[in-house]
Amino acid sequence: MKQGQEQGQESAKEQEQEIQRQIWWNFIPNPGDRNIQYHFAIINDNREIGNLYSRIIKELAPVDELEERKGKAGKLNYCIMSFLSQKNIDFRNLSNIYKGRIKKDERLYDRQRIGRDGLEEYVQKKIQKKLD
């Protein structure tokens, strides 16, 4: 019986360490230019990341200078996508892209770091905080 209690505690700890499926996003207008810089961090399983990625691109097409970074987020994965678009996103319609948790994160932007990707580093630290 004691062994069953230990297993139950272990699975509870695993559940605590699991991050929720979600999207973080931000945009940065470019003064003097019609382009808007968009950043999205999608945390989900790979199949759903692919679906959400396509919906985001479709919503803001045409896009330019698309960059993506991928990694692990506990049991899930993440994909960070950054790009330029001249199209304004209708934030009231974000639920057309994803029915789950979507949150604007004003700290989601490119950072200048020598030899490191500051944006990906920020996302990794934020994920790790949520897992701890």
C-alpha atoms as a PDB file:
ATOM      1  CA  MET A   1       0.000   0.000   0.000  1.00  0.00           C
ATOM      2  CA  LYS A   2       2.869   2.330   0.758  1.00  0.00           C
ATOM      3  CA  GLN A   3       4.256   1.740  -2.733  1.00  0.00           C
ATOM      4  CA  GLY A   4       0.911   2.807  -4.275  1.00  0.00           C
ATOM      5  CA  GLN A   5       0.950   6.025  -2.239  1.00  0.00           C
ATOM      6  CA  GLU A   6       4.494   6.762  -3.468  1.00  0.00           C
ATOM      7  CA  GLN A   7       3.431   6.184  -7.081  1.00  0.00           C
ATOM      8  CA  GLY A   8       0.451   8.497  -6.564  1.00  0.00           C
ATOM      9  CA  GLN A   9       2.748  11.194  -5.180  1.00  0.00           C
ATOM     10  CA  GLU A  10       5.133  10.788  -8.112  1.00  0.00           C
ATOM     11  CA  SER A  11       2.344  11.175 -10.675  1.00  0.00           C
ATOM     12  CA  ALA A  12       1.062  14.249  -8.798  1.00  0.00           C
ATOM     13  CA  LYS A  13       4.562  15.747  -9.017  1.00  0.00           C
ATOM     14  CA  GLU A  14       4.690  14.965 -12.741  1.00  0.00           C
ATOM     15  CA  GLN A  15       1.350  16.715 -13.244  1.00  0.00           C
ATOM     16  CA  GLU A  16       2.609  19.757 -11.333  1.00  0.00           C
ATOM     17  CA  GLN A  17       5.639  19.921 -13.615  1.00  0.00           C
ATOM     18  CA  GLU A  18       3.584  19.819 -16.789  1.00  0.00           C
ATOM     19  CA  ILE A  19       3.102  23.155 -18.531  1.00  0.00           C
ATOM     20  CA  GLN A  20      -0.272  24.091 -20.015  1.00  0.00           C
ATOM     21  CA  ARG A  21      -0.853  24.166 -23.750  1.00  0.00           C
ATOM     22  CA  GLN A  22      -0.948  27.822 -24.729  1.00  0.00           C
ATOM     23  CA  ILE A  23       0.166  30.604 -27.043  1.00  0.00           C
ATOM     24  CA  TRP A  24       2.066  33.727 -26.012  1.00  0.00           C
ATOM     25  CA  TRP A  25       2.177  36.542 -28.556  1.00  0.00           C
ATOM     26  CA  ASN A  26       3.353  40.100 -29.059  1.00  0.00           C
ATOM     27  CA  PHE A  27       3.616  42.612 -31.864  1.00  0.00           C
ATOM     28  CA  ILE A  28       5.877  45.603 -32.343  1.00  0.00           C
ATOM     29  CA  PRO A  29       4.862  48.344 -34.799  1.00  0.00           C
ATOM     30  CA  ASN A  30       7.712  49.644 -36.893  1.00  0.00           C
ATOM     31  CA  PRO A  31       7.511  53.484 -37.071  1.00  0.00           C
ATOM     32  CA  GLY A  32       7.976  54.790 -40.590  1.00  0.00           C
ATOM     33  CA  ASP A  33       7.365  51.346 -42.058  1.00  0.00           C
ATOM     34  CA  ARG A  34       4.105  49.520 -42.750  1.00  0.00           C
ATOM     35  CA  ASN A  35       5.554  46.242 -41.460  1.00  0.00           C
ATOM     36  CA  ILE A  36       4.689  44.984 -38.002  1.00  0.00           C
ATOM     37  CA  GLN A  37       7.011  42.573 -36.185  1.00  0.00           C
ATOM     38  CA  TYR A  38       5.072  39.608 -34.746  1.00  0.00           C
ATOM     39  CA  HIS A  39       6.299  37.028 -32.228  1.00  0.00           C
ATOM     40  CA  PHE A  40       4.372  33.897 -31.235  1.00  0.00           C
ATOM     41  CA  ALA A  41       5.447  31.159 -28.805  1.00  0.00           C
ATOM     42  CA  ILE A  42       3.277  28.056 -29.214  1.00  0.00           C
ATOM     43  CA  ILE A  43       3.427  25.418 -26.472  1.00  0.00           C
ATOM     44  CA  ASN A  44       1.681  22.225 -27.475  1.00  0.00           C
ATOM     45  CA  ASP A  45       2.304  18.814 -29.051  1.00  0.00           C
ATOM     46  CA  ASN A  46       4.001  18.780 -32.463  1.00  0.00           C
ATOM     47  CA  ARG A  47       0.858  18.010 -34.466  1.00  0.00           C
ATOM     48  CA  GLU A  48      -1.098  20.866 -32.912  1.00  0.00           C
ATOM     49  CA  ILE A  49       1.885  23.229 -33.238  1.00  0.00           C
ATOM     50  CA  GLY A  50       1.810  22.562 -36.991  1.00  0.00           C
ATOM     51  CA  ASN A  51      -1.913  23.357 -37.174  1.00  0.00           C
ATOM     52  CA  LEU A  52      -1.582  26.557 -35.125  1.00  0.00           C
ATOM     53  CA  TYR A  53       1.487  27.643 -37.089  1.00  0.00           C
ATOM     54  CA  SER A  54      -0.503  27.350 -40.337  1.00  0.00           C
ATOM     55  CA  ARG A  55      -3.484  29.264 -38.929  1.00  0.00           C
ATOM     56  CA  ILE A  56      -1.276  32.122 -37.713  1.00  0.00           C
ATOM     57  CA  ILE A  57       0.493  32.431 -41.082  1.00  0.00           C
ATOM     58  CA  LYS A  58      -2.851  32.276 -42.925  1.00  0.00           C
ATOM     59  CA  GLU A  59      -4.330  35.001 -40.684  1.00  0.00           C
ATOM     60  CA  LEU A  60      -1.391  37.389 -41.255  1.00  0.00           C
ATOM     61  CA  ALA A  61      -0.298  36.450 -44.813  1.00  0.00           C
ATOM     62  CA  PRO A  62       1.700  37.561 -46.617  1.00  0.00           C
ATOM     63  CA  VAL A  63       4.576  37.329 -44.133  1.00  0.00           C
ATOM     64  CA  ASP A  64       8.244  38.149 -44.608  1.00  0.00           C
ATOM     65  CA  GLU A  65      11.477  37.237 -42.806  1.00  0.00           C
ATOM     66  CA  LEU A  66       9.912  34.228 -41.068  1.00  0.00           C
ATOM     67  CA  GLU A  67      12.146  32.703 -38.373  1.00  0.00           C
ATOM     68  CA  GLU A  68      11.318  29.758 -36.168  1.00  0.00           C
ATOM     69  CA  ARG A  69      12.945  28.053 -33.207  1.00  0.00           C
ATOM     70  CA  LYS A  70      11.820  24.767 -31.654  1.00  0.00           C
ATOM     71  CA  GLY A  71      12.452  22.988 -28.379  1.00  0.00           C
ATOM     72  CA  LYS A  72      10.997  20.993 -25.483  1.00  0.00           C
ATOM     73  CA  ALA A  73       8.629  22.327 -22.812  1.00  0.00           C
ATOM     74  CA  GLY A  74       8.350  19.510 -20.278  1.00  0.00           C
ATOM     75  CA  LYS A  75       6.265  16.793 -21.943  1.00  0.00           C
ATOM     76  CA  LEU A  76       5.217  19.224 -24.681  1.00  0.00           C
ATOM     77  CA  ASN A  77       7.152  21.127 -27.339  1.00  0.00           C
ATOM     78  CA  TYR A  78       7.434  24.783 -28.220  1.00  0.00           C
ATOM     79  CA  CYS A  79       7.794  26.695 -31.442  1.00  0.00           C
ATOM     80  CA  ILE A  80       8.740  30.368 -31.506  1.00  0.00           C
ATOM     81  CA  MET A  81       7.845  32.134 -34.718  1.00  0.00           C
ATOM     82  CA  SER A  82       8.881  35.677 -35.611  1.00  0.00           C
ATOM     83  CA  PHE A  83       8.002  37.472 -38.826  1.00  0.00           C
ATOM     84  CA  LEU A  84       7.008  40.734 -40.457  1.00  0.00           C
ATOM     85  CA  SER A  85       3.549  41.417 -41.845  1.00  0.00           C
ATOM     86  CA  GLN A  86       1.754  44.508 -43.078  1.00  0.00           C
ATOM     87  CA  LYS A  87      -1.519  43.096 -41.844  1.00  0.00           C
ATOM     88  CA  ASN A  88      -2.924  44.042 -38.453  1.00  0.00           C
ATOM     89  CA  ILE A  89      -4.221  41.098 -36.494  1.00  0.00           C
ATOM     90  CA  ASP A  90      -7.773  41.408 -35.236  1.00  0.00           C
ATOM     91  CA  PHE A  91      -7.142  40.552 -31.607  1.00  0.00           C
ATOM     92  CA  ARG A  92     -10.848  39.992 -30.997  1.00  0.00           C
ATOM     93  CA  ASN A  93     -10.654  37.070 -33.401  1.00  0.00           C
ATOM     94  CA  LEU A  94      -7.672  35.283 -31.845  1.00  0.00           C
ATOM     95  CA  SER A  95     -10.073  32.522 -30.845  1.00  0.00           C
ATOM     96  CA  ASN A  96     -10.273  31.686 -34.582  1.00  0.00           C
ATOM     97  CA  ILE A  97      -6.631  30.634 -34.311  1.00  0.00           C
ATOM     98  CA  TYR A  98      -6.793  28.784 -30.989  1.00  0.00           C
ATOM     99  CA  LYS A  99      -9.611  27.974 -28.580  1.00  0.00           C
ATOM    100  CA  GLY A 100      -7.201  27.431 -25.669  1.00  0.00           C
ATOM    101  CA  ARG A 101      -5.176  29.845 -23.583  1.00  0.00           C
ATOM    102  CA  ILE A 102      -3.778  32.811 -25.535  1.00  0.00           C
ATOM    103  CA  LYS A 103      -1.922  35.538 -23.690  1.00  0.00           C
ATOM    104  CA  LYS A 104      -0.185  38.701 -24.819  1.00  0.00           C
ATOM    105  CA  ASP A 105       3.348  38.909 -23.429  1.00  0.00           C
ATOM    106  CA  GLU A 106       4.930  42.319 -23.943  1.00  0.00           C
ATOM    107  CA  ARG A 107       8.321  40.844 -23.012  1.00  0.00           C
ATOM    108  CA  LEU A 108       8.219  38.563 -26.061  1.00  0.00           C
ATOM    109  CA  TYR A 109      10.597  40.387 -28.420  1.00  0.00           C
ATOM    110  CA  ASP A 110      14.055  39.990 -29.984  1.00  0.00           C
ATOM    111  CA  ARG A 111      16.918  40.743 -27.650  1.00  0.00           C
ATOM    112  CA  GLN A 112      20.421  41.580 -28.746  1.00  0.00           C
ATOM    113  CA  ARG A 113      22.756  39.026 -27.185  1.00  0.00           C
ATOM    114  CA  ILE A 114      26.179  38.126 -28.505  1.00  0.00           C
ATOM    115  CA  GLY A 115      26.325  34.449 -29.422  1.00  0.00           C
ATOM    116  CA  ARG A 116      22.859  33.659 -27.964  1.00  0.00           C
ATOM    117  CA  ASP A 117      19.291  33.906 -29.098  1.00  0.00           C
ATOM    118  CA  GLY A 118      17.777  36.290 -26.536  1.00  0.00           C
ATOM    119  CA  LEU A 119      14.161  35.608 -27.535  1.00  0.00           C
ATOM    120  CA  GLU A 120      14.512  31.842 -27.260  1.00  0.00           C
ATOM    121  CA  GLU A 121      16.425  32.219 -23.999  1.00  0.00           C
ATOM    122  CA  TYR A 122      13.553  34.307 -22.585  1.00  0.00           C
ATOM    123  CA  VAL A 123      10.969  31.678 -23.627  1.00  0.00           C
ATOM    124  CA  GLN A 124      13.055  28.830 -22.175  1.00  0.00           C
ATOM    125  CA  LYS A 125      13.427  30.647 -18.839  1.00  0.00           C
ATOM    126  CA  LYS A 126       9.697  31.409 -18.710  1.00  0.00           C
ATOM    127  CA  ILE A 127       8.855  27.748 -19.413  1.00  0.00           C
ATOM    128  CA  GLN A 128      11.342  26.572 -16.787  1.00  0.00           C
ATOM    129  CA  LYS A 129       9.782  28.910 -14.201  1.00  0.00           C
ATOM    130  CA  LYS A 130       6.377  27.387 -14.889  1.00  0.00           C
ATOM    131  CA  LEU A 131       7.801  23.863 -14.573  1.00  0.00           C
ATOM    132  CA  ASP A 132       9.555  24.543 -11.242  1.00  0.00           C
END
